[in-house]
Amino acid sequence: MKKIVLSISTLVISITICLLFICSSAVNAQKSQSFVYDKSKDKETVFLFDSVSCVLTPHLKYEFSYNETGFLKTKKAYRWNVATQKWIPSYLFTITIIGENQIQEFGRWNNQKNDFSLRKQKAIYHKEAGKDVSNYISFSWNDKNDKWEITDGARFESYIAMMVNNSAK
């Protein structure tokens, strides 16, 4: 009986030591990679740097455009495809400023349509005159109905009611 207990405990200790070596090598592998950034006003490229092999691999790329006043207008993101050695579009984020209000739109790349029409979302930020706080309404695109639908409908209804009650005074 003592031999069985001793051999089981030896087996458990051996497995534990093996797992420690395997896990520590995985942690060291994660520490051997870091990010390197190449930034300019209109572009940013993110590389993975492997300190063991001293190799830079492209990872992400962003392209920015600005409006006449210098505010961000679009941010387009790409992911590096190792197999094809090409940048693949990922998403497009657009900001439209109208007065003190903003319309923000987001869409993921759709390979079938070759556009940014997947999981489209929109948020409209409305700033009331004389107030520092902005209200917003968020929407998501419904592909079946081919139209924008309000994501937070209950909050939108209470906002409309508040606007109607304040304008009636």
N, C-alpha and C. Protein backbone atom coordinates (compact mmCIF):
# COMPACT_ATOMS: atom_id res chain seq x y z
N MET A 1 0.82 -1.20 0.00
CA MET A 1 0.00 0.00 0.00
C MET A 1 0.87 1.26 0.00
N LYS A 2 1.95 1.24 0.80
CA LYS A 2 2.84 2.40 0.85
C LYS A 2 3.52 2.62 -0.50
N LYS A 3 3.82 1.51 -1.23
CA LYS A 3 4.44 1.63 -2.54
C LYS A 3 3.53 2.32 -3.53
N ILE A 4 2.22 1.99 -3.47
CA ILE A 4 1.25 2.60 -4.38
C ILE A 4 1.13 4.09 -4.10
N VAL A 5 1.02 4.47 -2.82
CA VAL A 5 0.90 5.87 -2.45
C VAL A 5 2.17 6.62 -2.84
N LEU A 6 3.33 5.99 -2.59
CA LEU A 6 4.59 6.63 -2.93
C LEU A 6 4.73 6.81 -4.44
N SER A 7 4.34 5.80 -5.23
CA SER A 7 4.45 5.92 -6.68
C SER A 7 3.45 6.92 -7.25
N ILE A 8 2.26 7.01 -6.66
CA ILE A 8 1.27 8.01 -7.10
C ILE A 8 1.78 9.42 -6.81
N SER A 9 2.32 9.63 -5.60
CA SER A 9 2.83 10.95 -5.26
C SER A 9 4.05 11.31 -6.12
N THR A 10 4.88 10.33 -6.46
CA THR A 10 6.01 10.57 -7.35
C THR A 10 5.52 10.95 -8.74
N LEU A 11 4.48 10.28 -9.20
CA LEU A 11 3.88 10.59 -10.50
C LEU A 11 3.31 12.01 -10.52
N VAL A 12 2.61 12.38 -9.45
CA VAL A 12 2.02 13.72 -9.36
C VAL A 12 3.12 14.78 -9.36
N ILE A 13 4.18 14.55 -8.62
CA ILE A 13 5.30 15.50 -8.58
C ILE A 13 5.95 15.61 -9.94
N SER A 14 6.14 14.48 -10.62
CA SER A 14 6.75 14.49 -11.95
C SER A 14 5.90 15.27 -12.95
N ILE A 15 4.61 15.05 -12.92
CA ILE A 15 3.70 15.78 -13.82
C ILE A 15 3.73 17.27 -13.52
N THR A 16 3.74 17.64 -12.25
CA THR A 16 3.78 19.05 -11.84
C THR A 16 5.05 19.72 -12.36
N ILE A 17 6.19 19.05 -12.22
CA ILE A 17 7.45 19.63 -12.69
C ILE A 17 7.44 19.79 -14.20
N CYS A 18 6.91 18.80 -14.92
CA CYS A 18 6.81 18.92 -16.38
C CYS A 18 5.92 20.09 -16.79
N LEU A 19 4.78 20.24 -16.11
CA LEU A 19 3.88 21.35 -16.42
C LEU A 19 4.54 22.70 -16.14
N LEU A 20 5.33 22.78 -15.08
CA LEU A 20 6.03 24.03 -14.78
C LEU A 20 6.99 24.40 -15.90
N PHE A 21 7.73 23.43 -16.42
CA PHE A 21 8.64 23.71 -17.52
C PHE A 21 7.89 24.12 -18.78
N ILE A 22 6.80 23.45 -19.08
CA ILE A 22 6.02 23.77 -20.28
C ILE A 22 5.41 25.16 -20.15
N CYS A 23 4.81 25.47 -18.99
CA CYS A 23 4.18 26.78 -18.79
C CYS A 23 5.21 27.90 -18.78
N SER A 24 6.37 27.67 -18.17
CA SER A 24 7.37 28.74 -18.12
C SER A 24 7.92 29.04 -19.50
N SER A 25 8.04 28.02 -20.36
CA SER A 25 8.51 28.29 -21.73
C SER A 25 7.45 29.05 -22.51
N ALA A 26 6.16 28.78 -22.24
CA ALA A 26 5.09 29.52 -22.92
C ALA A 26 5.08 30.97 -22.46
N VAL A 27 5.32 31.21 -21.17
CA VAL A 27 5.37 32.59 -20.66
C VAL A 27 6.56 33.31 -21.25
N ASN A 28 7.70 32.65 -21.34
CA ASN A 28 8.89 33.28 -21.94
C ASN A 28 8.66 33.59 -23.41
N ALA A 29 7.94 32.74 -24.11
CA ALA A 29 7.63 33.00 -25.52
C ALA A 29 6.77 34.24 -25.65
N GLN A 30 5.82 34.43 -24.73
CA GLN A 30 4.98 35.63 -24.77
C GLN A 30 5.81 36.87 -24.47
N LYS A 31 6.76 36.76 -23.55
CA LYS A 31 7.60 37.91 -23.22
C LYS A 31 8.56 38.25 -24.34
N SER A 32 8.87 37.28 -25.20
CA SER A 32 9.83 37.53 -26.27
C SER A 32 9.21 38.36 -27.41
N GLN A 33 7.88 38.52 -27.41
CA GLN A 33 7.24 39.33 -28.44
C GLN A 33 6.75 40.64 -27.85
N SER A 34 6.96 41.71 -28.58
CA SER A 34 6.46 43.01 -28.17
C SER A 34 5.98 43.76 -29.42
N PHE A 35 5.35 44.90 -29.20
CA PHE A 35 4.84 45.69 -30.31
C PHE A 35 5.79 46.84 -30.63
N VAL A 36 5.92 47.13 -31.90
CA VAL A 36 6.71 48.27 -32.37
C VAL A 36 5.77 49.11 -33.23
N TYR A 37 5.78 50.43 -33.01
CA TYR A 37 4.85 51.33 -33.68
C TYR A 37 5.58 52.27 -34.63
N ASP A 38 5.04 52.45 -35.81
CA ASP A 38 5.52 53.42 -36.78
C ASP A 38 4.37 54.40 -37.00
N LYS A 39 4.47 55.61 -36.43
CA LYS A 39 3.36 56.55 -36.44
C LYS A 39 3.68 57.80 -37.24
N SER A 40 2.66 58.28 -37.92
CA SER A 40 2.69 59.61 -38.53
C SER A 40 1.28 60.18 -38.34
N LYS A 41 1.04 61.37 -38.86
CA LYS A 41 -0.28 61.97 -38.67
C LYS A 41 -1.38 61.17 -39.36
N ASP A 42 -1.11 60.69 -40.58
CA ASP A 42 -2.14 60.03 -41.38
C ASP A 42 -2.10 58.51 -41.34
N LYS A 43 -1.08 57.94 -40.68
CA LYS A 43 -0.91 56.49 -40.74
C LYS A 43 -0.23 55.98 -39.48
N GLU A 44 -0.58 54.77 -39.09
CA GLU A 44 0.11 54.09 -37.99
C GLU A 44 0.19 52.60 -38.34
N THR A 45 1.39 52.04 -38.23
CA THR A 45 1.58 50.62 -38.48
C THR A 45 2.12 49.98 -37.21
N VAL A 46 1.53 48.85 -36.85
CA VAL A 46 1.94 48.12 -35.65
C VAL A 46 2.60 46.82 -36.11
N PHE A 47 3.81 46.59 -35.61
CA PHE A 47 4.56 45.38 -35.92
C PHE A 47 4.70 44.53 -34.66
N LEU A 48 4.78 43.22 -34.84
CA LEU A 48 5.17 42.33 -33.75
C LEU A 48 6.67 42.13 -33.85
N PHE A 49 7.38 42.35 -32.74
CA PHE A 49 8.83 42.16 -32.72
C PHE A 49 9.13 40.94 -31.87
N ASP A 50 9.80 39.98 -32.47
CA ASP A 50 10.23 38.77 -31.75
C ASP A 50 11.69 38.99 -31.36
N SER A 51 11.95 39.14 -30.04
CA SER A 51 13.30 39.44 -29.58
C SER A 51 14.23 38.24 -29.69
N VAL A 52 13.70 37.04 -29.80
CA VAL A 52 14.55 35.86 -29.96
C VAL A 52 15.13 35.80 -31.37
N SER A 53 14.26 35.97 -32.38
CA SER A 53 14.72 35.90 -33.77
C SER A 53 15.03 37.28 -34.35
N CYS A 54 14.72 38.35 -33.63
CA CYS A 54 14.92 39.74 -34.08
C CYS A 54 14.20 39.99 -35.40
N VAL A 55 12.94 39.54 -35.49
CA VAL A 55 12.15 39.70 -36.70
C VAL A 55 10.95 40.60 -36.42
N LEU A 56 10.70 41.54 -37.32
CA LEU A 56 9.50 42.38 -37.28
C LEU A 56 8.48 41.81 -38.24
N THR A 57 7.26 41.58 -37.74
CA THR A 57 6.18 41.08 -38.59
C THR A 57 5.04 42.09 -38.56
N PRO A 58 4.54 42.53 -39.71
CA PRO A 58 3.40 43.45 -39.71
C PRO A 58 2.22 42.82 -38.97
N HIS A 59 1.45 43.66 -38.28
CA HIS A 59 0.32 43.15 -37.49
C HIS A 59 -0.96 43.93 -37.80
N LEU A 60 -0.93 45.25 -37.59
CA LEU A 60 -2.08 46.12 -37.82
C LEU A 60 -1.63 47.39 -38.53
N LYS A 61 -2.57 47.96 -39.29
CA LYS A 61 -2.29 49.25 -39.93
C LYS A 61 -3.54 50.11 -39.84
N TYR A 62 -3.35 51.39 -39.53
CA TYR A 62 -4.45 52.34 -39.45
C TYR A 62 -4.17 53.50 -40.39
N GLU A 63 -5.22 53.96 -41.07
CA GLU A 63 -5.13 55.16 -41.90
C GLU A 63 -6.13 56.17 -41.37
N PHE A 64 -5.69 57.42 -41.21
CA PHE A 64 -6.53 58.47 -40.65
C PHE A 64 -6.73 59.57 -41.68
N SER A 65 -7.93 60.19 -41.65
CA SER A 65 -8.15 61.41 -42.43
C SER A 65 -8.84 62.41 -41.51
N TYR A 66 -8.61 63.68 -41.80
CA TYR A 66 -9.11 64.75 -40.94
C TYR A 66 -9.92 65.75 -41.75
N ASN A 67 -10.85 66.44 -41.06
CA ASN A 67 -11.62 67.48 -41.74
C ASN A 67 -10.82 68.78 -41.78
N GLU A 68 -11.42 69.83 -42.32
CA GLU A 68 -10.73 71.12 -42.49
C GLU A 68 -10.25 71.72 -41.18
N THR A 69 -10.96 71.44 -40.09
CA THR A 69 -10.59 72.02 -38.79
C THR A 69 -9.62 71.14 -38.00
N GLY A 70 -9.22 70.00 -38.55
CA GLY A 70 -8.24 69.14 -37.89
C GLY A 70 -8.81 68.03 -37.04
N PHE A 71 -10.15 67.90 -37.00
CA PHE A 71 -10.75 66.80 -36.24
C PHE A 71 -10.74 65.52 -37.06
N LEU A 72 -10.64 64.39 -36.35
CA LEU A 72 -10.63 63.10 -37.02
C LEU A 72 -11.91 62.89 -37.81
N LYS A 73 -11.77 62.51 -39.07
CA LYS A 73 -12.92 62.26 -39.94
C LYS A 73 -13.10 60.75 -40.16
N THR A 74 -12.04 60.02 -40.47
CA THR A 74 -12.14 58.57 -40.66
C THR A 74 -10.91 57.87 -40.08
N LYS A 75 -11.16 56.66 -39.64
CA LYS A 75 -10.09 55.76 -39.20
C LYS A 75 -10.37 54.41 -39.86
N LYS A 76 -9.45 53.99 -40.72
CA LYS A 76 -9.60 52.71 -41.42
C LYS A 76 -8.52 51.76 -40.89
N ALA A 77 -8.95 50.55 -40.49
CA ALA A 77 -8.02 49.57 -39.91
C ALA A 77 -7.84 48.38 -40.84
N TYR A 78 -6.62 47.85 -40.84
CA TYR A 78 -6.27 46.67 -41.63
C TYR A 78 -5.55 45.67 -40.74
N ARG A 79 -5.68 44.38 -41.07
CA ARG A 79 -4.94 43.31 -40.41
C ARG A 79 -4.02 42.67 -41.44
N TRP A 80 -2.84 42.25 -40.99
CA TRP A 80 -1.89 41.61 -41.88
C TRP A 80 -2.24 40.14 -42.04
N ASN A 81 -2.32 39.67 -43.29
CA ASN A 81 -2.57 38.27 -43.58
C ASN A 81 -1.23 37.62 -43.91
N VAL A 82 -0.77 36.74 -43.02
CA VAL A 82 0.54 36.12 -43.19
C VAL A 82 0.57 35.24 -44.44
N ALA A 83 -0.52 34.53 -44.71
CA ALA A 83 -0.55 33.60 -45.84
C ALA A 83 -0.41 34.32 -47.18
N THR A 84 -1.15 35.43 -47.36
CA THR A 84 -1.12 36.15 -48.64
C THR A 84 -0.11 37.29 -48.65
N GLN A 85 0.45 37.61 -47.47
CA GLN A 85 1.40 38.73 -47.34
C GLN A 85 0.78 40.04 -47.81
N LYS A 86 -0.50 40.25 -47.44
CA LYS A 86 -1.22 41.47 -47.82
C LYS A 86 -1.99 42.02 -46.63
N TRP A 87 -2.28 43.33 -46.70
CA TRP A 87 -3.15 43.96 -45.71
C TRP A 87 -4.60 43.68 -46.09
N ILE A 88 -5.37 43.20 -45.13
CA ILE A 88 -6.79 42.90 -45.33
C ILE A 88 -7.60 43.94 -44.55
N PRO A 89 -8.56 44.63 -45.17
CA PRO A 89 -9.37 45.61 -44.43
C PRO A 89 -10.09 44.96 -43.24
N SER A 90 -10.20 45.71 -42.15
CA SER A 90 -10.85 45.19 -40.96
C SER A 90 -12.11 45.99 -40.62
N TYR A 91 -11.96 47.30 -40.41
CA TYR A 91 -13.13 48.12 -40.10
C TYR A 91 -12.91 49.57 -40.51
N LEU A 92 -14.01 50.31 -40.57
CA LEU A 92 -13.99 51.74 -40.89
C LEU A 92 -14.81 52.47 -39.84
N PHE A 93 -14.20 53.50 -39.24
CA PHE A 93 -14.86 54.34 -38.25
C PHE A 93 -14.91 55.75 -38.82
N THR A 94 -16.11 56.34 -38.90
CA THR A 94 -16.31 57.65 -39.51
C THR A 94 -16.98 58.59 -38.53
N ILE A 95 -16.51 59.83 -38.47
CA ILE A 95 -17.11 60.87 -37.63
C ILE A 95 -17.52 62.03 -38.52
N THR A 96 -18.80 62.41 -38.42
CA THR A 96 -19.31 63.57 -39.14
C THR A 96 -19.73 64.59 -38.09
N ILE A 97 -19.20 65.81 -38.20
CA ILE A 97 -19.53 66.87 -37.24
C ILE A 97 -20.46 67.86 -37.91
N ILE A 98 -21.61 68.10 -37.26
CA ILE A 98 -22.58 69.07 -37.74
C ILE A 98 -22.84 70.03 -36.57
N GLY A 99 -22.27 71.22 -36.66
CA GLY A 99 -22.36 72.16 -35.53
C GLY A 99 -21.62 71.59 -34.34
N GLU A 100 -22.33 71.46 -33.21
CA GLU A 100 -21.74 70.83 -32.03
C GLU A 100 -22.18 69.38 -31.89
N ASN A 101 -22.83 68.85 -32.90
CA ASN A 101 -23.31 67.47 -32.87
C ASN A 101 -22.38 66.57 -33.68
N GLN A 102 -22.37 65.30 -33.31
CA GLN A 102 -21.53 64.32 -34.01
C GLN A 102 -22.33 63.10 -34.41
N ILE A 103 -22.02 62.56 -35.58
CA ILE A 103 -22.55 61.27 -36.02
C ILE A 103 -21.35 60.36 -36.19
N GLN A 104 -21.32 59.27 -35.42
CA GLN A 104 -20.22 58.31 -35.50
C GLN A 104 -20.75 57.01 -36.09
N GLU A 105 -20.07 56.51 -37.11
CA GLU A 105 -20.49 55.26 -37.77
C GLU A 105 -19.33 54.27 -37.77
N PHE A 106 -19.68 53.00 -37.63
CA PHE A 106 -18.70 51.93 -37.58
C PHE A 106 -19.19 50.77 -38.44
N GLY A 107 -18.30 50.18 -39.22
CA GLY A 107 -18.66 49.02 -40.03
C GLY A 107 -17.46 48.11 -40.21
N ARG A 108 -17.68 46.82 -40.17
CA ARG A 108 -16.63 45.83 -40.40
C ARG A 108 -16.58 45.48 -41.89
N TRP A 109 -15.43 44.99 -42.34
CA TRP A 109 -15.22 44.65 -43.74
C TRP A 109 -16.05 43.43 -44.13
N ASN A 110 -16.74 43.55 -45.27
CA ASN A 110 -17.54 42.46 -45.82
C ASN A 110 -16.82 41.92 -47.06
N ASN A 111 -16.30 40.69 -46.97
CA ASN A 111 -15.54 40.11 -48.09
C ASN A 111 -16.41 39.87 -49.32
N GLN A 112 -17.69 39.52 -49.11
CA GLN A 112 -18.56 39.25 -50.26
C GLN A 112 -18.86 40.52 -51.05
N LYS A 113 -19.10 41.62 -50.35
CA LYS A 113 -19.47 42.87 -51.02
C LYS A 113 -18.29 43.81 -51.24
N ASN A 114 -17.14 43.49 -50.66
CA ASN A 114 -15.95 44.35 -50.73
C ASN A 114 -16.24 45.77 -50.25
N ASP A 115 -16.92 45.86 -49.09
CA ASP A 115 -17.16 47.15 -48.47
C ASP A 115 -17.26 46.96 -46.95
N PHE A 116 -17.48 48.05 -46.24
CA PHE A 116 -17.57 48.01 -44.78
C PHE A 116 -19.02 47.96 -44.34
N SER A 117 -19.74 46.92 -44.73
CA SER A 117 -21.17 46.85 -44.45
C SER A 117 -21.55 45.80 -43.40
N LEU A 118 -20.59 45.13 -42.79
CA LEU A 118 -20.92 44.14 -41.76
C LEU A 118 -21.09 44.80 -40.40
N ARG A 119 -22.11 44.37 -39.68
CA ARG A 119 -22.38 44.82 -38.30
C ARG A 119 -22.25 46.34 -38.16
N LYS A 120 -22.92 47.06 -39.05
CA LYS A 120 -22.86 48.52 -39.02
C LYS A 120 -23.56 49.05 -37.76
N GLN A 121 -22.95 50.07 -37.19
CA GLN A 121 -23.50 50.74 -36.01
C GLN A 121 -23.36 52.24 -36.20
N LYS A 122 -24.23 52.97 -35.51
CA LYS A 122 -24.20 54.43 -35.60
C LYS A 122 -24.58 55.00 -34.24
N ALA A 123 -23.96 56.10 -33.89
CA ALA A 123 -24.32 56.84 -32.68
C ALA A 123 -24.40 58.32 -33.04
N ILE A 124 -25.46 58.96 -32.59
CA ILE A 124 -25.63 60.39 -32.83
C ILE A 124 -25.53 61.08 -31.48
N TYR A 125 -24.55 61.97 -31.35
CA TYR A 125 -24.35 62.74 -30.12
C TYR A 125 -24.90 64.14 -30.35
N HIS A 126 -25.87 64.50 -29.51
CA HIS A 126 -26.56 65.79 -29.65
C HIS A 126 -26.26 66.62 -28.41
N LYS A 127 -25.73 67.82 -28.62
CA LYS A 127 -25.42 68.71 -27.51
C LYS A 127 -26.44 69.85 -27.51
N GLU A 128 -27.16 69.95 -26.41
CA GLU A 128 -28.16 71.02 -26.30
C GLU A 128 -27.47 72.35 -26.04
N ALA A 129 -28.03 73.42 -26.57
CA ALA A 129 -27.46 74.75 -26.41
C ALA A 129 -27.39 75.12 -24.93
N GLY A 130 -26.23 75.61 -24.51
CA GLY A 130 -26.06 76.06 -23.14
C GLY A 130 -25.76 74.95 -22.14
N LYS A 131 -25.65 73.71 -22.59
CA LYS A 131 -25.35 72.60 -21.67
C LYS A 131 -24.04 71.94 -22.10
N ASP A 132 -23.30 71.46 -21.11
CA ASP A 132 -22.03 70.80 -21.39
C ASP A 132 -22.19 69.30 -21.67
N VAL A 133 -23.35 68.76 -21.39
CA VAL A 133 -23.57 67.32 -21.51
C VAL A 133 -24.19 67.00 -22.87
N SER A 134 -23.68 65.94 -23.50
CA SER A 134 -24.25 65.47 -24.77
C SER A 134 -25.16 64.29 -24.53
N ASN A 135 -26.25 64.24 -25.26
CA ASN A 135 -27.11 63.06 -25.27
C ASN A 135 -26.76 62.27 -26.52
N TYR A 136 -26.97 60.97 -26.45
CA TYR A 136 -26.72 60.19 -27.66
C TYR A 136 -27.79 59.15 -27.88
N ILE A 137 -27.92 58.77 -29.13
CA ILE A 137 -28.84 57.71 -29.55
C ILE A 137 -28.02 56.75 -30.39
N SER A 138 -28.10 55.46 -30.08
CA SER A 138 -27.33 54.50 -30.86
C SER A 138 -28.24 53.65 -31.72
N PHE A 139 -27.71 53.30 -32.88
CA PHE A 139 -28.45 52.54 -33.88
C PHE A 139 -27.61 51.35 -34.34
N SER A 140 -28.27 50.33 -34.85
CA SER A 140 -27.59 49.25 -35.55
C SER A 140 -28.34 49.00 -36.86
N TRP A 141 -27.60 48.57 -37.88
CA TRP A 141 -28.18 48.36 -39.19
C TRP A 141 -28.87 47.00 -39.23
N ASN A 142 -30.12 46.99 -39.71
CA ASN A 142 -30.85 45.74 -39.87
C ASN A 142 -30.80 45.36 -41.34
N ASP A 143 -30.04 44.29 -41.65
CA ASP A 143 -29.89 43.86 -43.05
C ASP A 143 -31.19 43.35 -43.65
N LYS A 144 -32.04 42.73 -42.81
CA LYS A 144 -33.30 42.18 -43.33
C LYS A 144 -34.26 43.29 -43.76
N ASN A 145 -34.37 44.33 -42.93
CA ASN A 145 -35.27 45.45 -43.24
C ASN A 145 -34.59 46.55 -44.04
N ASP A 146 -33.27 46.46 -44.16
CA ASP A 146 -32.49 47.45 -44.89
C ASP A 146 -32.69 48.86 -44.34
N LYS A 147 -32.58 48.99 -43.00
CA LYS A 147 -32.72 50.31 -42.37
C LYS A 147 -32.05 50.32 -41.00
N TRP A 148 -31.83 51.54 -40.50
CA TRP A 148 -31.26 51.72 -39.16
C TRP A 148 -32.35 51.49 -38.12
N GLU A 149 -31.99 50.78 -37.02
CA GLU A 149 -32.92 50.57 -35.91
C GLU A 149 -32.28 51.06 -34.63
N ILE A 150 -33.09 51.66 -33.79
CA ILE A 150 -32.60 52.21 -32.52
C ILE A 150 -32.23 51.07 -31.59
N THR A 151 -31.02 51.14 -31.04
CA THR A 151 -30.53 50.10 -30.14
C THR A 151 -31.10 50.28 -28.74
N ASP A 152 -31.15 51.50 -28.27
CA ASP A 152 -31.63 51.79 -26.92
C ASP A 152 -32.96 52.54 -26.99
N GLY A 153 -34.00 51.84 -27.43
CA GLY A 153 -35.30 52.45 -27.70
C GLY A 153 -35.97 53.07 -26.50
N ALA A 154 -35.88 52.44 -25.32
CA ALA A 154 -36.54 52.98 -24.12
C ALA A 154 -35.94 54.33 -23.75
N ARG A 155 -34.62 54.44 -23.82
CA ARG A 155 -33.97 55.71 -23.48
C ARG A 155 -34.31 56.76 -24.52
N PHE A 156 -34.42 56.35 -25.78
CA PHE A 156 -34.77 57.28 -26.85
C PHE A 156 -36.19 57.84 -26.63
N GLU A 157 -37.14 56.98 -26.26
CA GLU A 157 -38.51 57.44 -26.02
C GLU A 157 -38.57 58.43 -24.87
N SER A 158 -37.83 58.16 -23.79
CA SER A 158 -37.84 59.11 -22.66
C SER A 158 -37.16 60.42 -23.05
N TYR A 159 -36.15 60.36 -23.92
CA TYR A 159 -35.48 61.57 -24.39
C TYR A 159 -36.44 62.42 -25.24
N ILE A 160 -37.19 61.78 -26.13
CA ILE A 160 -38.17 62.49 -26.95
C ILE A 160 -39.24 63.12 -26.07
N ALA A 161 -39.72 62.38 -25.07
CA ALA A 161 -40.72 62.90 -24.16
C ALA A 161 -40.20 64.13 -23.41
N MET A 162 -38.92 64.06 -22.98
CA MET A 162 -38.33 65.19 -22.28
C MET A 162 -38.23 66.39 -23.22
N MET A 163 -37.84 66.17 -24.48
CA MET A 163 -37.72 67.26 -25.44
C MET A 163 -39.09 67.91 -25.69
N VAL A 164 -40.14 67.07 -25.81
CA VAL A 164 -41.48 67.59 -26.05
C VAL A 164 -41.96 68.39 -24.85
N ASN A 165 -41.74 67.86 -23.64
CA ASN A 165 -42.19 68.56 -22.43
C ASN A 165 -41.45 69.88 -22.23
N ASN A 166 -40.15 69.92 -22.53
CA ASN A 166 -39.39 71.16 -22.38
C ASN A 166 -39.78 72.19 -23.43
N SER A 167 -40.11 71.76 -24.64
CA SER A 167 -40.48 72.71 -25.68
C SER A 167 -41.90 73.25 -25.47
N ALA A 168 -42.74 72.50 -24.69
CA ALA A 168 -44.09 72.95 -24.45
C ALA A 168 -44.15 74.04 -23.39
N LYS A 169 -43.09 74.19 -22.62
CA LYS A 169 -43.08 75.19 -21.55
C LYS A 169 -42.87 76.59 -22.04
